[in-house]
Amino acid sequence: MANHVLLNNITHKDVKIVTEHSAQFGDDVSGVITFPTEFGDVQQEYPILFQKNADTEEYQSVAMLGIKHNENLYLNKDGWNASYIPAIVERGPFLIGFQDQSADGGDEYAAVVHIDMDSPRISNSLGERVFSEYGGNSPYLERINTVLKGINDGLAVSDAMFSAFESLDLIEPISLEIKLNNGELHRLHGNYTISREKLAALSGENLAKLNASGFLEGAFLVLASLNNIKKLVGLKNSRP
């Protein structure tokens, strides 16, 4: 059960965050939400697929980490084996909330940092300090603030991106059939991607609009990321 509270340098002056990655911290998952603002980094390591949110039926981007449920093939005894860790994972127990600060002359809905005090990453003795000895933000918290801003920006960009893709009918279902060296066959359904054929057939006008919006690059990055499915299969085959 999450226990989200507003982060402050008095109540949480001694809080530290364990930043290592393992199953005990909830990292053993087969996929995590990702955002267009990090597609360039994500596509170097992970397949990017689209899925529909079970509650809203709206599309969301997912970085594929495993083939089976609760399986992260990038996770091993030494930690997370990849050059880039998705922002939703790197943020740790932190998240953005919104606070009405209009009474103090601020914004009516100002973005503020919250922390989940029930997270297993919370510690008073191990890990990275959240605040410095004198109450200022630690370098770690400054990094987290950057990650959270990227997530917040990415949420808005994601909505606009999917709106653009849907308006051009570029999204299509993709069924993945993966056969392992040991003979196991895995069929993965409920995923979507960009249609190569429809993207290639766009008119010059629509292509220019997609490029001007910044989402043409995103479409190509999603398609390029599918090559990482071979990496996932290789990682799976190398497991005992």
C-alpha atoms as a PDB file:
ATOM      1  CA  MET A   1       0.000   0.000   0.000  1.00  0.00           C
ATOM      2  CA  ALA A   2       1.493   3.320  -1.063  1.00  0.00           C
ATOM      3  CA  ASN A   3       1.933   6.139   1.443  1.00  0.00           C
ATOM      4  CA  HIS A   4       2.544   9.273  -0.629  1.00  0.00           C
ATOM      5  CA  VAL A   5       3.493  12.390   1.327  1.00  0.00           C
ATOM      6  CA  LEU A   6       4.860  15.788   0.369  1.00  0.00           C
ATOM      7  CA  LEU A   7       8.651  15.741   0.456  1.00  0.00           C
ATOM      8  CA  ASN A   8      10.286  18.281   2.741  1.00  0.00           C
ATOM      9  CA  ASN A   9      13.769  18.772   4.191  1.00  0.00           C
ATOM     10  CA  ILE A  10      12.627  18.738   7.817  1.00  0.00           C
ATOM     11  CA  THR A  11      10.544  15.580   8.084  1.00  0.00           C
ATOM     12  CA  HIS A  12      12.775  13.737   5.606  1.00  0.00           C
ATOM     13  CA  LYS A  13      16.161  15.246   6.483  1.00  0.00           C
ATOM     14  CA  ASP A  14      17.722  11.841   7.224  1.00  0.00           C
ATOM     15  CA  VAL A  15      16.002   9.804   4.521  1.00  0.00           C
ATOM     16  CA  LYS A  16      18.186   7.822   2.160  1.00  0.00           C
ATOM     17  CA  ILE A  17      17.206   5.878  -0.960  1.00  0.00           C
ATOM     18  CA  VAL A  18      18.560   2.471  -1.927  1.00  0.00           C
ATOM     19  CA  THR A  19      19.182   2.796  -5.671  1.00  0.00           C
ATOM     20  CA  GLU A  20      20.265  -0.745  -6.542  1.00  0.00           C
ATOM     21  CA  HIS A  21      17.929  -2.827  -8.690  1.00  0.00           C
ATOM     22  CA  SER A  22      16.565  -6.242  -7.778  1.00  0.00           C
ATOM     23  CA  ALA A  23      13.334  -8.223  -7.555  1.00  0.00           C
ATOM     24  CA  GLN A  24      12.896  -7.243  -3.902  1.00  0.00           C
ATOM     25  CA  PHE A  25      12.410  -3.641  -4.993  1.00  0.00           C
ATOM     26  CA  GLY A  26       9.764  -4.543  -7.561  1.00  0.00           C
ATOM     27  CA  ASP A  27      12.054  -4.439 -10.593  1.00  0.00           C
ATOM     28  CA  ASP A  28      11.174  -7.949 -11.799  1.00  0.00           C
ATOM     29  CA  VAL A  29       8.484  -6.842 -14.253  1.00  0.00           C
ATOM     30  CA  SER A  30       8.028  -7.640 -17.942  1.00  0.00           C
ATOM     31  CA  GLY A  31       7.334  -4.086 -19.028  1.00  0.00           C
ATOM     32  CA  VAL A  32       7.228  -0.469 -17.835  1.00  0.00           C
ATOM     33  CA  ILE A  33       5.590   2.693 -19.093  1.00  0.00           C
ATOM     34  CA  THR A  34       7.835   4.867 -21.222  1.00  0.00           C
ATOM     35  CA  PHE A  35       7.432   8.293 -22.794  1.00  0.00           C
ATOM     36  CA  PRO A  36       8.200   9.880 -26.191  1.00  0.00           C
ATOM     37  CA  THR A  37      10.635  12.241 -24.476  1.00  0.00           C
ATOM     38  CA  GLU A  38      12.956   9.282 -23.789  1.00  0.00           C
ATOM     39  CA  PHE A  39      12.345   7.178 -26.917  1.00  0.00           C
ATOM     40  CA  GLY A  40      15.822   8.018 -28.236  1.00  0.00           C
ATOM     41  CA  ASP A  41      17.456   6.400 -25.206  1.00  0.00           C
ATOM     42  CA  VAL A  42      14.921   3.619 -24.703  1.00  0.00           C
ATOM     43  CA  GLN A  43      15.075   2.328 -28.283  1.00  0.00           C
ATOM     44  CA  GLN A  44      18.779   1.604 -27.907  1.00  0.00           C
ATOM     45  CA  GLU A  45      18.022  -1.126 -25.371  1.00  0.00           C
ATOM     46  CA  TYR A  46      14.345  -2.142 -25.331  1.00  0.00           C
ATOM     47  CA  PRO A  47      11.490  -2.874 -27.713  1.00  0.00           C
ATOM     48  CA  ILE A  48       8.859  -0.125 -27.524  1.00  0.00           C
ATOM     49  CA  LEU A  49       5.280  -1.340 -27.889  1.00  0.00           C
ATOM     50  CA  PHE A  50       1.919   0.354 -27.518  1.00  0.00           C
ATOM     51  CA  GLN A  51      -0.756  -1.038 -25.220  1.00  0.00           C
ATOM     52  CA  LYS A  52      -4.219   0.141 -24.225  1.00  0.00           C
ATOM     53  CA  ASN A  53      -4.728   1.277 -20.655  1.00  0.00           C
ATOM     54  CA  ALA A  54      -7.154  -1.187 -19.072  1.00  0.00           C
ATOM     55  CA  ASP A  55      -9.123   1.609 -17.391  1.00  0.00           C
ATOM     56  CA  THR A  56      -9.202   4.320 -20.049  1.00  0.00           C
ATOM     57  CA  GLU A  57      -8.674   2.314 -23.259  1.00  0.00           C
ATOM     58  CA  GLU A  58      -6.172   4.976 -24.287  1.00  0.00           C
ATOM     59  CA  TYR A  59      -2.825   4.045 -25.799  1.00  0.00           C
ATOM     60  CA  GLN A  60       0.350   4.130 -23.743  1.00  0.00           C
ATOM     61  CA  SER A  61       3.955   3.297 -24.620  1.00  0.00           C
ATOM     62  CA  VAL A  62       5.640   0.356 -22.919  1.00  0.00           C
ATOM     63  CA  ALA A  63       9.297  -0.668 -22.813  1.00  0.00           C
ATOM     64  CA  MET A  64       9.343  -4.475 -23.064  1.00  0.00           C
ATOM     65  CA  LEU A  65      11.645  -6.051 -20.464  1.00  0.00           C
ATOM     66  CA  GLY A  66      10.671  -9.721 -20.543  1.00  0.00           C
ATOM     67  CA  ILE A  67       8.712 -12.395 -22.333  1.00  0.00           C
ATOM     68  CA  LYS A  68       6.824 -13.839 -19.374  1.00  0.00           C
ATOM     69  CA  HIS A  69       4.857 -12.157 -16.592  1.00  0.00           C
ATOM     70  CA  ASN A  70       7.067 -10.776 -13.794  1.00  0.00           C
ATOM     71  CA  GLU A  71      10.244 -11.317 -15.809  1.00  0.00           C
ATOM     72  CA  ASN A  72      12.875  -8.644 -16.352  1.00  0.00           C
ATOM     73  CA  LEU A  73      15.590 -10.103 -18.575  1.00  0.00           C
ATOM     74  CA  TYR A  74      17.779  -7.033 -18.035  1.00  0.00           C
ATOM     75  CA  LEU A  75      17.934  -7.815 -14.332  1.00  0.00           C
ATOM     76  CA  ASN A  76      20.665 -10.098 -13.002  1.00  0.00           C
ATOM     77  CA  LYS A  77      22.686 -10.608  -9.815  1.00  0.00           C
ATOM     78  CA  ASP A  78      24.729  -7.498 -10.593  1.00  0.00           C
ATOM     79  CA  GLY A  79      21.709  -5.249 -11.055  1.00  0.00           C
ATOM     80  CA  TRP A  80      20.089  -3.737 -14.143  1.00  0.00           C
ATOM     81  CA  ASN A  81      22.205  -4.612 -17.163  1.00  0.00           C
ATOM     82  CA  ALA A  82      21.474  -1.824 -19.658  1.00  0.00           C
ATOM     83  CA  SER A  83      22.972   1.509 -20.672  1.00  0.00           C
ATOM     84  CA  TYR A  84      19.715   3.322 -19.940  1.00  0.00           C
ATOM     85  CA  ILE A  85      17.067   2.736 -17.273  1.00  0.00           C
ATOM     86  CA  PRO A  86      13.547   3.984 -18.099  1.00  0.00           C
ATOM     87  CA  ALA A  87      12.554   7.119 -16.214  1.00  0.00           C
ATOM     88  CA  ILE A  88       9.574   5.496 -14.520  1.00  0.00           C
ATOM     89  CA  VAL A  89      12.038   3.071 -12.885  1.00  0.00           C
ATOM     90  CA  GLU A  90      14.818   5.552 -12.185  1.00  0.00           C
ATOM     91  CA  ARG A  91      12.459   7.881 -10.283  1.00  0.00           C
ATOM     92  CA  GLY A  92      12.404   5.350  -7.419  1.00  0.00           C
ATOM     93  CA  PRO A  93       9.865   6.164  -4.690  1.00  0.00           C
ATOM     94  CA  PHE A  94       9.287   9.728  -5.932  1.00  0.00           C
ATOM     95  CA  LEU A  95       6.424  11.157  -7.964  1.00  0.00           C
ATOM     96  CA  ILE A  96       4.964  14.501  -8.929  1.00  0.00           C
ATOM     97  CA  GLY A  97       1.881  15.795  -7.168  1.00  0.00           C
ATOM     98  CA  PHE A  98       0.084  19.111  -7.444  1.00  0.00           C
ATOM     99  CA  GLN A  99      -0.512  21.593  -4.652  1.00  0.00           C
ATOM    100  CA  ASP A 100      -2.667  24.722  -4.506  1.00  0.00           C
ATOM    101  CA  GLN A 101      -0.237  27.512  -3.596  1.00  0.00           C
ATOM    102  CA  SER A 102      -2.454  30.436  -4.630  1.00  0.00           C
ATOM    103  CA  ALA A 103      -2.955  31.519  -1.000  1.00  0.00           C
ATOM    104  CA  ASP A 104       0.780  32.230  -0.830  1.00  0.00           C
ATOM    105  CA  GLY A 105       0.867  34.007  -4.174  1.00  0.00           C
ATOM    106  CA  GLY A 106       1.953  30.956  -6.137  1.00  0.00           C
ATOM    107  CA  ASP A 107       0.289  28.832  -8.775  1.00  0.00           C
ATOM    108  CA  GLU A 108      -3.101  27.294  -8.149  1.00  0.00           C
ATOM    109  CA  TYR A 109      -1.746  23.898  -9.189  1.00  0.00           C
ATOM    110  CA  ALA A 110       2.000  23.891  -8.660  1.00  0.00           C
ATOM    111  CA  ALA A 111       3.990  20.709  -9.279  1.00  0.00           C
ATOM    112  CA  VAL A 112       5.582  19.389  -6.092  1.00  0.00           C
ATOM    113  CA  VAL A 113       7.580  16.269  -5.241  1.00  0.00           C
ATOM    114  CA  HIS A 114       6.013  13.481  -3.209  1.00  0.00           C
ATOM    115  CA  ILE A 115       7.669  10.403  -1.763  1.00  0.00           C
ATOM    116  CA  ASP A 116       6.197   6.975  -1.034  1.00  0.00           C
ATOM    117  CA  MET A 117       7.232   6.308   2.555  1.00  0.00           C
ATOM    118  CA  ASP A 118       6.141   2.667   2.291  1.00  0.00           C
ATOM    119  CA  SER A 119       8.647   1.983  -0.487  1.00  0.00           C
ATOM    120  CA  PRO A 120      11.213  -0.736   0.345  1.00  0.00           C
ATOM    121  CA  ARG A 121      13.867   1.652  -0.996  1.00  0.00           C
ATOM    122  CA  ILE A 122      13.460   4.013   1.960  1.00  0.00           C
ATOM    123  CA  SER A 123      16.293   3.801   4.480  1.00  0.00           C
ATOM    124  CA  ASN A 124      17.908   5.862   7.212  1.00  0.00           C
ATOM    125  CA  SER A 125      21.282   4.166   6.913  1.00  0.00           C
ATOM    126  CA  LEU A 126      21.839   2.915   3.340  1.00  0.00           C
ATOM    127  CA  GLY A 127      21.780   4.538  -0.054  1.00  0.00           C
ATOM    128  CA  GLU A 128      21.751   8.067  -1.433  1.00  0.00           C
ATOM    129  CA  ARG A 129      20.907  11.018   0.763  1.00  0.00           C
ATOM    130  CA  VAL A 130      17.832  12.976  -0.345  1.00  0.00           C
ATOM    131  CA  PHE A 131      18.899  16.182   1.403  1.00  0.00           C
ATOM    132  CA  SER A 132      22.316  17.495   2.283  1.00  0.00           C
ATOM    133  CA  GLU A 133      23.471  17.926   5.862  1.00  0.00           C
ATOM    134  CA  TYR A 134      22.297  21.551   5.865  1.00  0.00           C
ATOM    135  CA  GLY A 135      18.900  20.920   4.248  1.00  0.00           C
ATOM    136  CA  GLY A 136      19.617  21.637   0.602  1.00  0.00           C
ATOM    137  CA  ASN A 137      18.828  19.227  -2.218  1.00  0.00           C
ATOM    138  CA  SER A 138      21.417  16.508  -2.646  1.00  0.00           C
ATOM    139  CA  PRO A 139      22.860  15.849  -6.136  1.00  0.00           C
ATOM    140  CA  TYR A 140      20.721  12.695  -6.135  1.00  0.00           C
ATOM    141  CA  LEU A 141      17.511  14.662  -5.529  1.00  0.00           C
ATOM    142  CA  GLU A 142      18.471  17.149  -8.238  1.00  0.00           C
ATOM    143  CA  ARG A 143      18.785  14.219 -10.621  1.00  0.00           C
ATOM    144  CA  ILE A 144      15.393  12.891  -9.503  1.00  0.00           C
ATOM    145  CA  ASN A 145      13.837  16.328 -10.097  1.00  0.00           C
ATOM    146  CA  THR A 146      15.116  16.189 -13.672  1.00  0.00           C
ATOM    147  CA  VAL A 147      13.710  12.679 -14.127  1.00  0.00           C
ATOM    148  CA  LEU A 148      10.320  13.713 -12.724  1.00  0.00           C
ATOM    149  CA  LYS A 149      10.166  16.741 -15.003  1.00  0.00           C
ATOM    150  CA  GLY A 150      10.880  14.467 -17.960  1.00  0.00           C
ATOM    151  CA  ILE A 151       8.029  12.170 -16.925  1.00  0.00           C
ATOM    152  CA  ASN A 152       5.634  15.086 -16.447  1.00  0.00           C
ATOM    153  CA  ASP A 153       6.553  16.546 -19.839  1.00  0.00           C
ATOM    154  CA  GLY A 154       6.381  13.086 -21.388  1.00  0.00           C
ATOM    155  CA  LEU A 155       2.794  12.547 -20.261  1.00  0.00           C
ATOM    156  CA  ALA A 156       1.627  15.616 -22.175  1.00  0.00           C
ATOM    157  CA  VAL A 157       3.707  14.764 -25.235  1.00  0.00           C
ATOM    158  CA  SER A 158       2.396  11.199 -25.182  1.00  0.00           C
ATOM    159  CA  ASP A 159      -1.230  12.327 -25.467  1.00  0.00           C
ATOM    160  CA  ALA A 160      -0.408  14.574 -28.409  1.00  0.00           C
ATOM    161  CA  MET A 161       1.668  11.862 -30.098  1.00  0.00           C
ATOM    162  CA  PHE A 162      -1.047   9.228 -29.969  1.00  0.00           C
ATOM    163  CA  SER A 163      -3.602  11.752 -31.180  1.00  0.00           C
ATOM    164  CA  ALA A 164      -1.388  12.435 -34.200  1.00  0.00           C
ATOM    165  CA  PHE A 165      -0.784   8.736 -34.880  1.00  0.00           C
ATOM    166  CA  GLU A 166      -4.482   7.889 -34.594  1.00  0.00           C
ATOM    167  CA  SER A 167      -5.529  10.762 -36.857  1.00  0.00           C
ATOM    168  CA  LEU A 168      -3.336   9.257 -39.590  1.00  0.00           C
ATOM    169  CA  ASP A 169      -4.381   5.661 -38.814  1.00  0.00           C
ATOM    170  CA  LEU A 170      -0.761   4.669 -38.182  1.00  0.00           C
ATOM    171  CA  ILE A 171      -1.310   2.308 -35.250  1.00  0.00           C
ATOM    172  CA  GLU A 172      -1.810  -1.402 -35.899  1.00  0.00           C
ATOM    173  CA  PRO A 173      -1.888  -4.571 -33.744  1.00  0.00           C
ATOM    174  CA  ILE A 174       1.252  -6.680 -33.551  1.00  0.00           C
ATOM    175  CA  SER A 175       1.250 -10.322 -32.449  1.00  0.00           C
ATOM    176  CA  LEU A 176       4.601 -11.648 -31.327  1.00  0.00           C
ATOM    177  CA  GLU A 177       5.409 -15.343 -31.552  1.00  0.00           C
ATOM    178  CA  ILE A 178       8.686 -16.209 -29.869  1.00  0.00           C
ATOM    179  CA  LYS A 179      10.223 -19.671 -30.012  1.00  0.00           C
ATOM    180  CA  LEU A 180      13.096 -20.368 -27.647  1.00  0.00           C
ATOM    181  CA  ASN A 181      16.003 -22.758 -28.054  1.00  0.00           C
ATOM    182  CA  ASN A 182      14.432 -25.126 -25.525  1.00  0.00           C
ATOM    183  CA  GLY A 183      11.304 -25.414 -27.657  1.00  0.00           C
ATOM    184  CA  GLU A 184       9.113 -23.119 -25.554  1.00  0.00           C
ATOM    185  CA  LEU A 185       6.688 -21.053 -27.614  1.00  0.00           C
ATOM    186  CA  HIS A 186       5.417 -17.719 -26.331  1.00  0.00           C
ATOM    187  CA  ARG A 187       2.617 -15.800 -28.023  1.00  0.00           C
ATOM    188  CA  LEU A 188       2.233 -12.198 -26.900  1.00  0.00           C
ATOM    189  CA  HIS A 189      -1.012 -10.421 -27.706  1.00  0.00           C
ATOM    190  CA  GLY A 190      -2.578  -7.055 -26.898  1.00  0.00           C
ATOM    191  CA  ASN A 191       0.299  -5.021 -28.304  1.00  0.00           C
ATOM    192  CA  TYR A 192       0.368  -2.390 -31.046  1.00  0.00           C
ATOM    193  CA  THR A 193       3.008  -0.645 -33.114  1.00  0.00           C
ATOM    194  CA  ILE A 194       3.411   1.739 -36.055  1.00  0.00           C
ATOM    195  CA  SER A 195       2.359   0.435 -39.467  1.00  0.00           C
ATOM    196  CA  ARG A 196       5.406   0.614 -41.742  1.00  0.00           C
ATOM    197  CA  GLU A 197       3.217   0.460 -44.854  1.00  0.00           C
ATOM    198  CA  LYS A 198       0.903   3.296 -43.790  1.00  0.00           C
ATOM    199  CA  LEU A 199       3.824   5.417 -42.629  1.00  0.00           C
ATOM    200  CA  ALA A 200       5.553   4.952 -45.991  1.00  0.00           C
ATOM    201  CA  ALA A 201       2.320   5.774 -47.836  1.00  0.00           C
ATOM    202  CA  LEU A 202       1.694   9.102 -46.096  1.00  0.00           C
ATOM    203  CA  SER A 203       1.160  12.046 -48.396  1.00  0.00           C
ATOM    204  CA  GLY A 204       3.783  14.749 -48.492  1.00  0.00           C
ATOM    205  CA  GLU A 205       1.457  17.070 -46.602  1.00  0.00           C
ATOM    206  CA  ASN A 206       0.744  14.595 -43.797  1.00  0.00           C
ATOM    207  CA  LEU A 207       4.392  13.605 -43.619  1.00  0.00           C
ATOM    208  CA  ALA A 208       5.358  17.261 -43.231  1.00  0.00           C
ATOM    209  CA  LYS A 209       2.750  17.759 -40.491  1.00  0.00           C
ATOM    210  CA  LEU A 210       3.965  14.706 -38.583  1.00  0.00           C
ATOM    211  CA  ASN A 211       7.550  15.891 -38.907  1.00  0.00           C
ATOM    212  CA  ALA A 212       6.692  19.434 -37.822  1.00  0.00           C
ATOM    213  CA  SER A 213       4.981  18.075 -34.707  1.00  0.00           C
ATOM    214  CA  GLY A 214       8.132  16.120 -33.836  1.00  0.00           C
ATOM    215  CA  PHE A 215       6.369  12.755 -33.955  1.00  0.00           C
ATOM    216  CA  LEU A 216       7.812  11.443 -37.208  1.00  0.00           C
ATOM    217  CA  GLU A 217      11.077  10.741 -35.406  1.00  0.00           C
ATOM    218  CA  GLY A 218       9.112   9.002 -32.654  1.00  0.00           C
ATOM    219  CA  ALA A 219       7.432   6.724 -35.185  1.00  0.00           C
ATOM    220  CA  PHE A 220      10.784   5.709 -36.641  1.00  0.00           C
ATOM    221  CA  LEU A 221      12.274   5.161 -33.177  1.00  0.00           C
ATOM    222  CA  VAL A 222       9.392   2.841 -32.255  1.00  0.00           C
ATOM    223  CA  LEU A 223       9.934   0.800 -35.412  1.00  0.00           C
ATOM    224  CA  ALA A 224      13.707   0.694 -34.900  1.00  0.00           C
ATOM    225  CA  SER A 225      13.225  -0.484 -31.323  1.00  0.00           C
ATOM    226  CA  LEU A 226      11.552  -3.703 -32.492  1.00  0.00           C
ATOM    227  CA  ASN A 227      15.000  -5.002 -33.412  1.00  0.00           C
ATOM    228  CA  ASN A 228      15.585  -5.333 -29.668  1.00  0.00           C
ATOM    229  CA  ILE A 229      13.154  -8.243 -29.557  1.00  0.00           C
ATOM    230  CA  LYS A 230      16.064 -10.330 -30.852  1.00  0.00           C
ATOM    231  CA  LYS A 231      18.108  -9.090 -27.878  1.00  0.00           C
ATOM    232  CA  LEU A 232      15.349 -10.164 -25.499  1.00  0.00           C
ATOM    233  CA  VAL A 233      15.201 -13.623 -27.065  1.00  0.00           C
ATOM    234  CA  GLY A 234      18.979 -13.907 -26.754  1.00  0.00           C
ATOM    235  CA  LEU A 235      18.838 -12.921 -23.095  1.00  0.00           C
ATOM    236  CA  LYS A 236      16.081 -15.450 -22.483  1.00  0.00           C
ATOM    237  CA  ASN A 237      17.967 -18.236 -24.248  1.00  0.00           C
ATOM    238  CA  SER A 238      21.068 -17.525 -22.159  1.00  0.00           C
ATOM    239  CA  ARG A 239      19.154 -18.054 -18.900  1.00  0.00           C
ATOM    240  CA  PRO A 240      19.428 -21.516 -17.309  1.00  0.00           C
END
